[in-house]
Structure formats: structure tokens, C-alpha cells
């Protein structure tokens, strides 16, 4: 039997879960803090070997504010905390136990974005690669939903000696998170999401933004990827879990207690090539936004079928 053709991942990988926004700040903080702590523990990999909640970067931060613009010697560890206020102002601080506590109090105010960033300092003295960003985003124009996001560089997947462990950690993390919430609307693991805008590859190529797609997540997907998490309404629109299994488009179909499902296209992410992408697209087409995705000017390879989902009937 011929060996399966392997793909090379793009430079960053995203795990994401979309949920209805909690009604009050304390519940919002509980969801966010659980996401931050789980992602930092499970997805940092070798990057997190120097990380701990007692980490205090005050001395290095003082050197920066004292006129030394460099964050530390090349290869040293850096961590920061960023909150985007309702006004749009961003407040970034270095990691320390005190700043972590302040950060969590800010999260309780339900800001548009809260982010923890880990990185190694590059040769230029500034945070570089590898890096890990863990975010909770509440879109200003779609405040009734939240996005729990982890973005990380993919160097672990480029090394055959580490990629199996890395993949296991990412898939188990997403599975656990998908099962932890009562109302999961969308999610997945993808290497072609837009880090800067938060858009899926499909949203980007159709000219959509999360605030366009969030209101319809009970019946329409934001896109599709190696792993796609579907809402109960999407599962129903696709014919139910049994039909998902029978489709042969997925390596695994895992029902969620909320009525949704976690769909895994291939056993390994490095096997998620054009044939698998097309099979997933054709089956999920009835639950995708209408419009033909067009190749975009991007440094990333987009894992998309460049067809109009509206032109396909039920598989």
C-alpha cells in the first residue's frame, strides 16, 4: 500500500471553541480562567518549560522601561498579559503573580479581548518564535458570543520526534474543552486561520468576519478544518450523527452531550491534504455560508475547496 502523502503545516495552528457569552462577569471569568490555565498547561510544550504562575519578570521589565528596549538575551523566556478595553485601548503588562491577579480582575469586566502571550526572545532582543497566544475574545459587534482561542507556532509538528505527542495534546485539549461546556456552537483545529483578525480561512475568502457569522452558528458553520466542532443545529441539518458516520468523510465522529459533534477528518493532521479537504467540504456544504471561496493573497496554504457550497445539495 502506498504511503499517505503528507502536508507541511503552515506557521501557526489554532484551537478554538465558540460559546454563548456568560451573562455576568464572574461566570465569564470562570470560563476564561479555565481556558487560560488549561491551554498554558497543555499546549505550551517545550515553550512552557520556564513558565510558572510564580514567574516574575519585574526586573527585566524595569530594564525595558529604564531605556533598554530589549526584552532579554536571545532564547530567554518572555510572558505578557494584554487586555483590550471597551474603548479600544490595549493595556499590556509583563507576567508577574500580581499582574496575573489584576489581569483576571480585568477579565471579570468582560473586555473585548484578554490574551496571555508566551514567547522566546529572538536575536533582535524582542519576543519572537516560538510563541503561544491564549485569548478570550468578545466581538464588539457580536457581544452575545465569545471565542476561546489558542494560537501557537507549529515547530513541534515539523519534527517527527515530537509531532505525535503534540498532536495528542492538541486533540485531547480540544476534546476536553468541547465536552466541558453545555452549549458549544463552533470550534476546531486549523492551520489556516487568520491570527490577526480571528477569521477562519473560509470567512476570510468570502469577505466575512466573526460578527457576521456568530448569529447563525446554531445552523451555519464558520468554516471547516482538520477538526470541526458543530453545533446541535448543524448536526441536525446534516442528517444527524449516524449520517455523519456513514459519510466516510471523517476518520472519527464524536457526539457531544450538548447535541453537537466533533468531526476529525483524518487520523493525523499531516494527512489532511486536498482529497480529504474536498471530502469534508462536500459533506458539510449544506451547513456552510454561501459563496465561492477564492484563493487569497496569503503566505498560508488554505485548506479549502474553491467551490460555492450553495451549489451542492445534501451528500
Foldseek 3Di string as FASTA:
>chain_A
DDDFAFADFPFKKKWKFKDFQDDALVVQLVLQVVLVVLCLVQQCPPLCPVDDLQDDLVVLVVVCVVPPVFSDAFFAKWKKKWFQAPVRDIDIDTHHNVVVVVLSVVSSVVGQKIKIKIATQHNVRHGDPFMKIWMWGQDPLRNRMIMTMIMTTDPLCVDPVRNVVNVVSSVVSNVVSLQVDQWIQKIFMARQADPVQRAALQCVQQVHHCSVCVVPSLQAYSDDHQKMKHGLNPCVQLPHQVSVVVLLLFPDWAAHPNNIIIGGRDPHRRSLDQVSLVSVCLQSLVRYDFDFGDDDPDPGDHSHDRDGSVVHDHD
